[in-house]
Protein backbone atom coordinates (compact mmCIF):
# COMPACT_ATOMS: atom_id res chain seq x y z
CA MET A 1 -30.56 12.29 -31.04
CA ALA A 2 -27.52 11.85 -28.78
CA GLU A 3 -26.82 15.58 -28.91
CA ASP A 4 -30.43 16.41 -28.05
CA ILE A 5 -30.51 14.18 -24.98
CA LEU A 6 -27.23 15.66 -23.73
CA LYS A 7 -28.54 19.21 -24.17
CA THR A 8 -31.68 18.29 -22.26
CA ALA A 9 -29.79 16.55 -19.44
CA TYR A 10 -27.41 19.50 -18.95
CA ASP A 11 -29.93 22.32 -19.42
CA PRO A 12 -29.62 24.93 -16.58
CA ALA A 13 -33.24 25.99 -16.99
CA ARG A 14 -34.47 22.43 -16.40
CA PHE A 15 -32.14 22.21 -13.42
CA ARG A 16 -33.63 25.38 -11.95
CA GLU A 17 -37.20 24.16 -12.40
CA ALA A 18 -36.50 20.69 -11.00
CA GLY A 19 -34.40 22.13 -8.18
CA HIS A 20 -37.09 24.53 -7.00
CA ALA A 21 -39.63 21.73 -7.01
CA LEU A 22 -37.30 19.38 -5.15
CA ILE A 23 -36.44 21.92 -2.45
CA ASP A 24 -40.14 22.53 -1.86
CA GLN A 25 -40.71 18.78 -1.68
CA LEU A 26 -37.85 18.29 0.78
CA ALA A 27 -39.06 21.17 2.94
CA ARG A 28 -42.49 19.52 3.17
CA TYR A 29 -40.81 16.23 4.03
CA LEU A 30 -38.79 17.86 6.82
CA GLN A 31 -41.90 19.51 8.21
CA GLU A 32 -43.86 16.24 8.20
CA ALA A 33 -40.98 14.22 9.64
CA ARG A 34 -40.14 16.59 12.48
CA LYS A 35 -43.81 16.72 13.49
CA GLY A 36 -44.04 12.94 13.42
CA GLN A 37 -46.83 13.05 10.84
CA VAL A 38 -45.43 10.09 8.90
CA PRO A 39 -44.06 6.70 10.01
CA VAL A 40 -40.36 6.54 10.85
CA LEU A 41 -39.98 3.84 8.19
CA HIS A 42 -41.97 1.49 5.97
CA TYR A 43 -40.24 -1.81 6.59
CA GLN A 44 -40.50 -4.47 3.91
CA HIS A 45 -38.70 -7.74 3.25
CA PRO A 46 -35.62 -7.16 1.04
CA ASP A 47 -36.97 -9.31 -1.80
CA LYS A 48 -40.22 -7.36 -1.90
CA GLU A 49 -38.36 -4.06 -1.83
CA TRP A 50 -36.24 -5.24 -4.77
CA ASP A 51 -39.41 -6.20 -6.65
CA LEU A 52 -40.91 -2.78 -5.98
CA TRP A 53 -37.95 -0.92 -7.45
CA GLN A 54 -37.59 -3.33 -10.34
CA ALA A 55 -41.21 -2.61 -11.27
CA TYR A 56 -40.64 1.12 -10.89
CA LEU A 57 -37.59 1.00 -13.13
CA GLU A 58 -39.62 -0.69 -15.84
CA LYS A 59 -42.94 1.18 -15.58
CA GLY A 60 -42.72 3.98 -13.02
CA ASP A 61 -43.11 7.67 -13.78
CA PRO A 62 -39.73 9.43 -13.32
CA LYS A 63 -41.59 12.49 -12.04
CA ASP A 64 -42.51 10.46 -8.96
CA LEU A 65 -38.96 9.30 -8.22
CA PHE A 66 -38.13 11.57 -5.29
CA GLU A 67 -41.55 11.10 -3.74
CA ARG A 68 -41.06 7.35 -3.82
CA ILE A 69 -37.56 7.66 -2.34
CA LEU A 70 -38.83 9.81 0.53
CA GLU A 71 -41.57 7.31 1.23
CA ARG A 72 -39.30 4.26 1.18
CA THR A 73 -36.36 5.48 3.27
CA THR A 74 -35.87 5.76 7.04
CA LYS A 75 -36.59 9.26 8.32
CA VAL A 76 -33.74 10.32 10.57
CA GLN A 77 -35.47 13.67 11.18
CA HIS A 78 -38.42 11.93 12.89
CA PRO A 79 -38.46 12.46 16.71
CA ARG A 80 -38.99 8.73 17.15
CA TYR A 81 -35.97 7.81 15.09
CA MET A 82 -33.67 6.48 17.82
CA GLY A 83 -31.77 3.84 15.89
CA HIS A 84 -28.38 4.07 14.29
CA GLN A 85 -25.61 6.58 14.90
CA VAL A 86 -26.45 8.83 11.97
CA ALA A 87 -27.38 12.45 12.63
CA PRO A 88 -30.34 14.23 11.10
CA PRO A 89 -28.21 16.61 9.05
CA ILE A 90 -28.42 20.33 9.73
CA PRO A 91 -30.41 21.61 6.70
CA LEU A 92 -27.71 24.13 5.77
CA ALA A 93 -25.20 21.27 5.70
CA SER A 94 -27.41 19.40 3.26
CA LEU A 95 -27.61 22.45 1.00
CA ALA A 96 -23.83 22.77 1.12
CA ALA A 97 -23.56 19.11 0.09
CA LEU A 98 -25.69 19.96 -2.95
CA VAL A 99 -23.16 22.65 -3.89
CA GLY A 100 -20.41 20.05 -3.69
CA GLY A 101 -22.44 17.69 -5.85
CA VAL A 102 -22.91 20.34 -8.53
CA LEU A 103 -19.28 21.51 -8.56
CA ASN A 104 -17.95 17.92 -8.41
CA ASN A 105 -14.36 18.99 -7.75
CA GLY A 106 -12.68 15.78 -6.66
CA MET A 107 -9.86 16.81 -4.35
CA ALA A 108 -7.01 14.71 -5.71
CA ILE A 109 -4.76 17.68 -6.43
CA TYR A 110 -4.85 21.26 -5.26
CA GLU A 111 -6.15 22.91 -8.43
CA MET A 112 -9.14 20.53 -8.41
CA GLY A 113 -10.04 21.55 -4.88
CA MET A 114 -8.58 24.95 -4.08
CA ALA A 115 -11.36 26.38 -1.90
CA PRO A 116 -12.27 23.10 -0.14
CA THR A 117 -8.60 22.31 0.50
CA ALA A 118 -8.08 25.62 2.31
CA MET A 119 -11.36 25.20 4.21
CA GLU A 120 -10.37 21.68 5.26
CA ARG A 121 -7.06 22.92 6.64
CA LEU A 122 -8.84 25.61 8.67
CA LEU A 123 -11.40 23.21 10.13
CA THR A 124 -8.98 20.41 10.98
CA ASP A 125 -6.49 22.86 12.50
CA TRP A 126 -9.33 24.10 14.75
CA LEU A 127 -10.25 20.56 15.79
CA CYS A 128 -6.58 19.82 16.51
CA ARG A 129 -6.42 22.83 18.82
CA LYS A 130 -9.60 21.71 20.57
CA ALA A 131 -8.01 18.31 21.12
CA GLY A 132 -5.03 19.99 22.80
CA PHE A 133 -2.59 19.26 19.99
CA GLY A 134 0.21 21.74 19.25
CA PRO A 135 0.87 23.87 16.15
CA GLU A 136 2.64 20.99 14.40
CA ALA A 137 -0.62 18.99 14.31
CA ARG A 138 -2.42 18.38 11.02
CA GLY A 139 -5.56 16.65 9.83
CA PHE A 140 -7.78 16.00 6.84
CA LEU A 141 -11.24 14.74 6.02
CA THR A 142 -11.92 11.30 4.64
CA SER A 143 -14.90 9.10 3.82
CA GLY A 144 -16.01 7.67 7.13
CA GLY A 145 -14.63 6.34 10.39
CA THR A 146 -13.74 2.92 9.02
CA LEU A 147 -11.40 4.38 6.42
CA ALA A 148 -10.04 6.93 8.91
CA ASN A 149 -9.23 4.22 11.47
CA LEU A 150 -7.50 2.11 8.84
CA THR A 151 -5.46 5.11 7.72
CA ALA A 152 -4.46 5.89 11.31
CA LEU A 153 -3.28 2.32 11.90
CA LEU A 154 -1.29 2.43 8.66
CA ALA A 155 0.40 5.56 10.04
CA ALA A 156 1.03 3.70 13.30
CA ARG A 157 2.69 0.85 11.43
CA ARG A 158 4.91 3.26 9.51
CA SER A 159 5.85 5.21 12.63
CA ARG A 160 6.25 2.48 15.27
CA GLY A 161 6.92 -0.70 13.35
CA ARG A 162 10.47 -2.00 13.15
CA GLU A 163 10.06 -2.92 9.49
CA ASP A 164 9.29 -0.92 6.38
CA VAL A 165 6.21 -2.96 5.52
CA TRP A 166 4.95 -0.39 3.01
CA ASN A 167 7.94 -0.92 0.73
CA LYS A 168 9.29 -4.34 1.69
CA GLY A 169 6.32 -6.29 3.00
CA TYR A 170 6.00 -8.31 6.20
CA THR A 171 8.73 -10.57 7.53
CA SER A 172 7.44 -10.64 11.13
CA LYS A 173 4.09 -10.37 12.94
CA GLN A 174 2.61 -7.14 14.25
CA ALA A 175 -0.36 -6.52 16.54
CA VAL A 176 -2.68 -3.85 17.92
CA LEU A 177 -4.26 -3.75 21.38
CA VAL A 178 -7.93 -2.83 21.51
CA SER A 179 -10.92 -3.09 23.82
CA GLU A 180 -13.07 -6.18 23.44
CA ALA A 181 -15.99 -3.74 23.08
CA ALA A 182 -14.39 -1.69 20.28
CA HIS A 183 -16.05 -1.19 16.93
CA TYR A 184 -15.49 -4.09 14.55
CA CYS A 185 -13.80 -1.82 12.00
CA ILE A 186 -10.62 -1.90 14.12
CA ASP A 187 -10.49 -5.68 13.85
CA ARG A 188 -11.22 -5.37 10.13
CA ALA A 189 -8.46 -2.81 9.63
CA ALA A 190 -5.87 -4.98 11.38
CA ARG A 191 -6.82 -7.97 9.24
CA ILE A 192 -6.70 -5.90 6.06
CA MET A 193 -3.19 -4.90 7.10
CA GLY A 194 -2.21 -8.56 7.24
CA MET A 195 -2.07 -9.00 11.03
CA GLY A 196 -4.63 -11.79 11.09
CA ALA A 197 -6.80 -12.76 14.05
CA GLU A 198 -3.75 -13.23 16.28
CA GLY A 199 -2.72 -9.62 15.68
CA VAL A 200 -5.88 -8.22 17.26
CA ILE A 201 -5.30 -8.37 21.02
CA GLN A 202 -8.55 -7.73 22.88
CA ILE A 203 -8.37 -6.12 26.30
CA PRO A 204 -11.17 -6.98 28.78
CA VAL A 205 -13.64 -4.30 29.86
CA ASP A 206 -14.92 -3.34 33.30
CA THR A 207 -18.53 -3.44 34.47
CA ASN A 208 -19.26 -0.24 32.55
CA TYR A 209 -17.81 -1.72 29.32
CA ARG A 210 -14.74 0.53 29.38
CA MET A 211 -11.33 -0.92 28.62
CA ASP A 212 -9.70 -2.02 31.87
CA PRO A 213 -6.08 -0.73 31.91
CA ALA A 214 -5.17 -3.32 34.56
CA TYR A 215 -4.97 -5.95 31.81
CA LEU A 216 -2.73 -4.01 29.44
CA GLN A 217 0.68 -5.04 30.74
CA GLN A 218 -0.27 -8.71 30.84
CA ALA A 219 -1.63 -8.60 27.29
CA TYR A 220 1.45 -6.76 26.07
CA ASP A 221 3.84 -9.25 27.69
CA GLN A 222 1.94 -12.22 26.28
CA ALA A 223 2.10 -10.70 22.80
CA ILE A 224 5.88 -10.34 23.07
CA LYS A 225 6.21 -13.96 24.19
CA LYS A 226 4.23 -15.06 21.13
CA GLY A 227 6.66 -13.24 18.86
CA LEU A 228 4.26 -10.42 18.06
CA GLU A 229 5.32 -6.79 17.77
CA PRO A 230 2.62 -4.52 19.28
CA ILE A 231 2.61 -1.23 17.39
CA ALA A 232 -0.55 0.52 18.61
CA LEU A 233 -3.21 0.78 21.28
CA VAL A 234 -6.71 1.90 20.25
CA GLY A 235 -9.01 3.66 22.71
CA SER A 236 -12.75 3.93 22.06
CA ALA A 237 -14.48 7.26 22.61
CA PRO A 238 -16.96 5.74 22.93
CA CYS A 239 -17.50 2.09 22.01
CA THR A 240 -20.44 1.48 19.71
CA ALA A 241 -22.62 -0.96 21.66
CA THR A 242 -23.02 0.88 24.98
CA GLY A 243 -21.53 4.30 24.25
CA SER A 244 -18.90 3.87 26.98
CA TYR A 245 -15.68 5.91 26.85
CA ASP A 246 -12.40 4.13 27.54
CA PRO A 247 -10.22 5.79 30.23
CA LEU A 248 -7.90 7.60 27.84
CA GLU A 249 -5.34 9.04 30.29
CA PRO A 250 -3.97 5.71 31.56
CA LEU A 251 -3.99 4.38 27.99
CA ALA A 252 -1.88 7.33 26.85
CA ALA A 253 0.54 6.75 29.72
CA PHE A 254 0.89 3.07 28.80
CA CYS A 255 1.67 4.00 25.21
CA ARG A 256 4.35 6.45 26.29
CA GLN A 257 5.89 3.78 28.50
CA HIS A 258 6.06 1.21 25.68
CA ASN A 259 6.53 3.52 22.67
CA LEU A 260 3.18 2.45 21.20
CA TRP A 261 1.10 4.57 18.87
CA PHE A 262 -1.99 5.78 20.72
CA HIS A 263 -5.01 6.06 18.46
CA ILE A 264 -8.46 7.18 19.63
CA ASP A 265 -11.49 6.05 17.70
CA GLY A 266 -13.67 9.02 18.58
CA ALA A 267 -15.88 8.54 15.54
CA HIS A 268 -19.05 8.83 17.59
CA GLY A 269 -18.09 10.90 20.61
CA GLY A 270 -14.80 12.62 19.87
CA ALA A 271 -16.76 15.84 19.44
CA ALA A 272 -17.00 15.96 23.25
CA ILE A 273 -13.75 17.97 23.04
CA LEU A 274 -16.04 20.90 22.13
CA SER A 275 -18.07 20.68 25.35
CA GLU A 276 -17.10 22.08 28.73
CA ARG A 277 -19.72 19.79 30.28
CA TYR A 278 -18.51 16.58 28.70
CA LYS A 279 -14.90 17.10 27.65
CA HIS A 280 -13.77 15.23 30.78
CA LEU A 281 -14.78 12.09 28.89
CA MET A 282 -11.89 12.88 26.53
CA ASP A 283 -9.29 13.49 29.26
CA GLY A 284 -6.02 12.18 27.86
CA VAL A 285 -6.81 13.03 24.24
CA ALA A 286 -3.87 15.43 24.02
CA GLY A 287 -1.57 12.42 24.40
CA ALA A 288 -3.01 10.64 21.37
CA ASP A 289 -1.00 10.27 18.19
CA SER A 290 -4.17 10.23 16.11
CA LEU A 291 -7.87 10.93 16.62
CA VAL A 292 -10.97 10.23 14.52
CA ILE A 293 -14.19 12.31 14.69
CA ASP A 294 -17.19 11.62 12.44
CA GLY A 295 -19.04 14.69 11.24
CA HIS A 296 -22.15 12.65 10.44
CA LYS A 297 -22.55 11.46 14.02
CA MET A 298 -22.40 14.12 16.74
CA MET A 299 -21.73 17.15 14.51
CA GLY A 300 -24.88 17.10 12.38
CA MET A 301 -23.28 16.54 8.98
CA PRO A 302 -24.62 14.49 6.06
CA VAL A 303 -22.98 11.12 5.53
CA LEU A 304 -20.16 10.38 4.95
CA THR A 305 -17.40 12.61 6.30
CA THR A 306 -14.75 12.12 9.00
CA ALA A 307 -11.87 14.15 10.40
CA LEU A 308 -8.61 12.28 10.98
CA LEU A 309 -6.25 14.32 13.16
CA PHE A 310 -2.54 13.75 13.86
CA ARG A 311 -0.69 15.23 16.84
CA ASN A 312 2.47 15.26 14.73
CA GLY A 313 1.58 16.41 11.24
CA ALA A 314 4.64 14.73 9.70
CA ASP A 315 3.10 11.34 10.51
CA SER A 316 0.20 12.08 8.19
CA TYR A 317 2.62 12.50 5.28
CA ASN A 318 4.69 9.42 6.03
CA THR A 319 1.80 6.95 5.79
CA PHE A 320 1.69 6.60 2.02
CA SER A 321 5.23 7.77 1.23
CA GLN A 322 6.50 5.70 -1.68
CA GLN A 323 10.19 6.23 -0.96
CA ALA A 324 11.94 8.20 1.80
CA ASP A 325 9.87 9.49 4.68
CA TYR A 326 8.36 12.94 4.19
CA LEU A 327 9.71 15.12 6.98
CA LEU A 328 8.36 18.63 7.29
CA SER A 329 11.74 19.94 8.46
CA GLU A 330 13.36 18.72 5.23
CA SER A 331 10.91 20.54 2.97
CA GLU A 332 11.12 24.21 2.11
CA GLU A 333 7.36 24.31 2.01
CA GLU A 334 4.87 22.03 3.68
CA ASP A 335 2.87 20.35 0.92
CA TRP A 336 -0.39 20.37 2.91
CA TYR A 337 -2.52 21.32 -0.07
CA ASN A 338 -2.09 18.11 -2.08
CA GLY A 339 -4.35 15.83 -0.10
CA ALA A 340 -3.83 12.70 -2.19
CA LYS A 341 -0.42 12.33 -0.56
CA ARG A 342 -2.06 11.79 2.83
CA THR A 343 -5.40 10.11 2.19
CA PHE A 344 -6.39 6.65 1.03
CA GLU A 345 -8.63 8.32 -1.51
CA CYS A 346 -7.07 9.82 -4.58
CA THR A 347 -10.32 11.55 -5.49
CA LYS A 348 -12.59 12.42 -2.58
CA LEU A 349 -15.82 14.25 -1.90
CA THR A 350 -15.88 17.91 -0.91
CA GLY A 351 -17.52 17.12 2.41
CA ILE A 352 -15.86 20.17 3.92
CA PHE A 353 -18.49 22.44 2.37
CA SER A 354 -21.07 21.17 4.86
CA TRP A 355 -18.78 21.51 7.90
CA PHE A 356 -17.51 24.94 6.87
CA ALA A 357 -20.94 26.40 6.05
CA VAL A 358 -22.35 25.42 9.45
CA TRP A 359 -19.19 26.47 11.32
CA LYS A 360 -19.13 29.90 9.64
CA THR A 361 -22.88 30.52 9.97
CA TYR A 362 -23.55 29.28 13.51
CA GLY A 363 -20.12 29.01 15.09
CA GLU A 364 -18.84 26.15 17.22
CA GLU A 365 -21.67 26.81 19.69
CA LEU A 366 -24.08 24.84 17.51
CA PHE A 367 -21.89 21.73 17.60
CA THR A 368 -21.57 22.05 21.37
CA ALA A 369 -25.29 22.59 21.90
CA TYR A 370 -26.16 19.55 19.78
CA LEU A 371 -23.86 17.15 21.62
CA GLU A 372 -24.74 18.40 25.09
CA ARG A 373 -28.47 18.28 24.41
CA GLN A 374 -28.33 14.66 23.25
CA TYR A 375 -26.02 13.49 26.04
CA ASP A 376 -28.24 15.23 28.61
CA LEU A 377 -31.31 13.53 27.15
CA ALA A 378 -29.72 10.08 27.52
CA ARG A 379 -29.11 10.72 31.21
CA GLU A 380 -32.68 11.87 31.72
CA ALA A 381 -33.94 8.83 29.81
CA SER A 382 -31.83 6.48 31.91
CA GLU A 383 -33.38 7.85 35.09
CA LEU A 384 -36.83 7.34 33.60
CA ILE A 385 -36.00 3.72 32.73
CA ARG A 386 -34.57 3.03 36.17
CA SER A 387 -37.70 4.41 37.82
CA ARG A 388 -40.03 1.98 36.03
CA PRO A 389 -40.50 -1.60 37.27
CA GLY A 390 -39.53 -4.37 34.87
CA TRP A 391 -36.74 -2.47 33.13
CA GLU A 392 -32.98 -3.02 33.21
CA LEU A 393 -30.10 -0.86 31.94
CA ALA A 394 -26.92 -2.51 30.70
CA CYS A 395 -24.99 0.41 32.23
CA LEU A 396 -25.44 4.08 32.95
CA PRO A 397 -24.94 6.18 29.79
CA GLN A 398 -21.81 8.19 29.15
CA SER A 399 -22.95 9.41 25.74
CA ASN A 400 -26.29 9.50 23.93
CA ILE A 401 -26.45 5.70 23.58
CA LEU A 402 -28.70 3.64 25.85
CA CYS A 403 -28.94 -0.15 26.16
CA PHE A 404 -31.92 -1.51 28.07
CA ARG A 405 -34.33 -4.42 28.14
CA TYR A 406 -37.75 -5.30 29.46
CA LEU A 407 -38.07 -8.15 31.96
CA ALA A 408 -41.34 -9.60 33.19
CA PRO A 409 -41.35 -10.83 36.83
CA GLY A 410 -39.44 -14.11 37.22
CA MET A 411 -38.24 -14.12 33.63
CA ASP A 412 -34.91 -15.88 32.94
CA ASP A 413 -32.25 -14.49 30.59
CA THR A 414 -33.06 -16.82 27.70
CA THR A 415 -36.73 -15.87 27.72
CA ALA A 416 -35.79 -12.21 28.12
CA ASP A 417 -33.60 -12.48 25.01
CA GLN A 418 -36.53 -13.97 23.11
CA LEU A 419 -38.92 -11.30 24.34
CA ASN A 420 -36.72 -8.32 23.55
CA GLY A 421 -35.85 -9.69 20.12
CA ALA A 422 -39.56 -10.04 19.38
CA ILE A 423 -40.20 -6.51 20.65
CA ARG A 424 -37.56 -5.08 18.35
CA GLN A 425 -38.97 -6.94 15.33
CA HIS A 426 -42.48 -5.73 16.11
CA LEU A 427 -41.25 -2.12 16.33
CA LEU A 428 -39.36 -2.47 13.05
CA GLU A 429 -42.34 -3.79 11.15
CA ALA A 430 -44.79 -1.31 12.67
CA GLY A 431 -42.60 1.69 11.79
CA THR A 432 -43.90 3.87 14.64
CA TYR A 433 -40.53 3.91 16.40
CA TYR A 434 -37.10 2.96 15.14
CA ILE A 435 -34.61 1.45 17.57
CA VAL A 436 -32.04 -1.31 17.14
CA GLN A 437 -30.72 -4.15 19.29
CA THR A 438 -27.33 -5.36 20.43
CA ARG A 439 -25.74 -8.01 22.62
CA VAL A 440 -24.09 -6.98 25.85
CA SER A 441 -22.36 -9.60 28.02
CA GLY A 442 -23.98 -12.27 25.89
CA ARG A 443 -27.53 -10.99 26.42
CA SER A 444 -29.93 -9.22 24.03
CA TYR A 445 -30.67 -5.56 24.73
CA LEU A 446 -32.70 -2.92 22.98
CA ARG A 447 -30.52 0.02 21.99
CA THR A 448 -31.20 3.65 21.19
CA SER A 449 -28.89 6.30 19.81
CA LEU A 450 -30.59 9.59 20.60
CA MET A 451 -29.47 11.47 17.51
CA ASN A 452 -32.41 13.77 16.83
CA PRO A 453 -32.46 17.11 18.68
CA LEU A 454 -36.26 17.08 18.33
CA THR A 455 -36.59 13.85 20.32
CA GLY A 456 -37.82 14.61 23.82
CA ILE A 457 -38.32 12.74 27.06
CA SER A 458 -42.01 12.40 26.15
CA ASP A 459 -40.97 10.34 23.12
CA ILE A 460 -38.88 8.07 25.36
CA ARG A 461 -41.78 7.67 27.80
CA SER A 462 -44.12 6.87 24.93
CA LEU A 463 -41.64 4.28 23.61
CA LEU A 464 -41.47 2.53 26.98
CA ASP A 465 -45.26 2.52 27.29
CA HIS A 466 -45.54 1.09 23.79
CA ILE A 467 -42.99 -1.64 24.50
CA GLU A 468 -44.77 -2.68 27.68
CA GLY A 469 -47.97 -3.02 25.67
CA ILE A 470 -46.21 -5.13 23.03
CA ALA A 471 -44.61 -7.35 25.68
CA LYS A 472 -47.98 -8.30 27.13
CA ALA A 473 -49.20 -9.47 23.72
CA ILE A 474 -46.16 -11.55 22.70
CA PRO A 475 -46.44 -15.31 23.31
CA LEU A 476 -43.21 -16.78 24.65
CA SER A 477 -42.15 -20.41 24.62
CA GLY A 478 -40.76 -20.10 28.15
CA ASN A 479 -44.06 -18.91 29.64
């Protein structure tokens, strides 16, 4: 019996039959989603969703599994998906991910990932060149921006810290400087590293929610007086809430002045280095010690894959060195092909297949076209919002992220918060559009990340019309 079920589960003929059917099913799904023929999502309370899948597990037909999954998940390919910072993956990238799933070569050591290891070196070397790094730069892929940022700060601690914390532990307090608008994963990484709340020094932002360099020296001096050892400064490219890019050039100069590690969290918008139109947003990137770029955000990859790039490749080897530092000049051969020496993961996904397949097939022009199209759309959408009475932008967009809210005449901020929160909940439950919300300067704003290259200005106009209709029907306690 056990042998029979194993033969059935591993049968190539069954795989071929099921695979053909699934590809056809997914192609129909993509067609329906891109034409907007289905809702963006079917929202349901978590407890009810759990009940649904519990009942399916007990009594459902396994032949219906993928149909049920497609029905019950958010459709990032829908033109009215404008929510989180997750790209609708380029279909070829999704097929390449299937290849990785079949081969299942975890890349802990070279012989378990020969082709993907070489591909990864080629792709990260290219991104390093685009960032303006020299030939000594190196990078690798890892599972997401959170892990990449943590790994970069571990490298910063090893490179700039006075103590060998990796081998001997902490005897003093270290700190990182970061924008008050930075992604929360930077705060999380610092706390994981044992710095505590005191070790996360938040720098105020300007009216466009960009880190204000005028506060850096004061924050640095205060940290020294408290007995803290600042080891790194993190720039956001851009920050998550408003999509605003920190001014990277003055941050790089400050780091050079104080021998701080300069890390850029470019998870969302670091890919602007590929665009002639928008690469000015990344001015100063060549002075960074490390840079993060998520493939699953502005490069059209499936989740979850991130490039972590180091201006000095030796730093990427030192991070997890168990004994003496690994210096490239002391090695007869650079051991670039054993990735487990440089990554947090010992076994990791072959996410490079998706990047490499798209890069080889379409060239870097596709990545550029995708980013520029979405950034352009945000600017057009912001002009549309500004032209309509009753609407307010948190700030002008620098990326493809927009924060805005609807205000009825004479409405105070508290009532506006209530109204926009109710609007967002209505949209979520209706499933016709998918947007999220955030707080900016203590106020509630609706927020879109324009990730889908099929989303057009007509979809934005329709969203605004729809929201205005909802607003008129919502009873408010302040009215």
